[in-house]
């Protein structure tokens, strides 16, 4: 589990018990079929050329806010591999 997800889970603790919660992240694309078949591939966004990875957001972004595309994928924490 990544550091972000671990800290988020720790933040929902109550009475020394972790409340079950799932993080859902979103990815807008025009290549959903390829991603579902082959998985995500690291890439570079033109606006952040020094960063390598996959753009995920904590809410569905529209095409004016982030990556372009007509398809929206929802990624649950349980499906994230490190």
Protein backbone atom coordinates (compact mmCIF):
# COMPACT_ATOMS: atom_id res chain seq x y z
CA UNK A 1 0.00 0.00 0.00
CA UNK A 2 1.37 3.40 -0.94
CA UNK A 3 2.21 6.01 1.69
CA UNK A 4 -0.77 8.15 0.66
CA UNK A 5 -3.23 5.28 1.00
CA UNK A 6 -1.70 4.18 4.32
CA UNK A 7 -1.97 7.71 5.77
CA UNK A 8 -5.54 8.02 4.48
CA UNK A 9 -6.54 4.72 6.12
CA UNK A 10 -4.91 5.83 9.39
CA UNK A 11 -6.93 9.04 9.25
CA UNK A 12 -10.23 7.13 9.41
CA UNK A 13 -9.37 5.28 12.60
CA UNK A 14 -11.84 5.56 15.45
CA UNK A 15 -11.52 3.99 18.90
CA UNK A 16 -8.36 2.13 17.81
CA UNK A 17 -10.31 0.37 15.04
CA UNK A 18 -9.97 1.05 11.35
CA UNK A 19 -13.29 1.74 9.73
CA UNK A 20 -13.59 -0.09 6.42
CA UNK A 21 -13.42 2.36 3.56
CA UNK A 22 -12.42 2.17 -0.08
CA UNK A 23 -10.59 4.79 -2.05
CA UNK A 24 -11.95 5.26 -5.56
CA UNK A 25 -9.87 7.18 -8.09
CA UNK A 26 -10.77 8.22 -11.63
CA UNK A 27 -8.96 8.36 -14.97
CA UNK A 28 -10.32 10.04 -18.10
CA UNK A 29 -9.13 8.57 -21.40
CA UNK A 30 -9.94 7.77 -24.98
CA UNK A 31 -8.21 4.38 -24.68
CA UNK A 32 -10.22 2.55 -22.02
CA UNK A 33 -10.27 -0.68 -24.03
CA UNK A 34 -6.44 -0.79 -24.13
CA UNK A 35 -6.12 0.05 -20.44
CA UNK A 36 -8.63 -2.63 -19.46
CA UNK A 37 -6.84 -5.18 -21.64
CA UNK A 38 -3.17 -4.31 -20.89
CA UNK A 39 -3.25 -2.16 -17.74
CA UNK A 40 -2.03 1.39 -17.26
CA UNK A 41 1.22 2.50 -18.91
CA UNK A 42 3.38 5.27 -17.48
CA UNK A 43 3.29 8.39 -19.58
CA UNK A 44 4.18 12.08 -19.56
CA UNK A 45 1.62 14.86 -19.70
CA UNK A 46 2.56 17.84 -21.89
CA UNK A 47 1.88 20.19 -18.98
CA UNK A 48 4.15 18.18 -16.61
CA UNK A 49 6.94 16.78 -18.85
CA UNK A 50 9.26 15.96 -15.93
CA UNK A 51 6.70 13.68 -14.26
CA UNK A 52 6.20 10.07 -15.34
CA UNK A 53 3.11 8.07 -14.36
CA UNK A 54 -0.67 7.87 -14.63
CA UNK A 55 -3.04 10.77 -13.89
CA UNK A 56 -5.66 9.71 -11.32
CA UNK A 57 -8.04 12.08 -9.54
CA UNK A 58 -10.21 11.80 -6.45
CA UNK A 59 -13.30 12.85 -8.43
CA UNK A 60 -14.38 12.53 -12.04
CA UNK A 61 -12.82 15.41 -13.97
CA UNK A 62 -14.47 16.79 -17.05
CA UNK A 63 -12.49 17.18 -20.27
CA UNK A 64 -11.66 20.82 -19.44
CA UNK A 65 -10.01 19.97 -16.11
CA UNK A 66 -7.52 17.25 -16.93
CA UNK A 67 -6.69 14.57 -19.47
CA UNK A 68 -8.78 14.49 -22.64
CA UNK A 69 -11.09 11.62 -23.54
CA UNK A 70 -14.70 10.52 -23.72
CA UNK A 71 -14.36 7.54 -21.36
CA UNK A 72 -14.00 7.55 -17.58
CA UNK A 73 -12.47 4.65 -15.64
CA UNK A 74 -13.02 4.19 -11.89
CA UNK A 75 -10.14 2.51 -10.05
CA UNK A 76 -10.73 1.08 -6.58
CA UNK A 77 -7.90 0.86 -4.03
CA UNK A 78 -8.13 -2.93 -4.00
CA UNK A 79 -7.08 -3.09 -7.67
CA UNK A 80 -3.92 -0.96 -7.27
CA UNK A 81 -0.63 -2.88 -7.43
CA UNK A 82 2.59 -1.30 -6.25
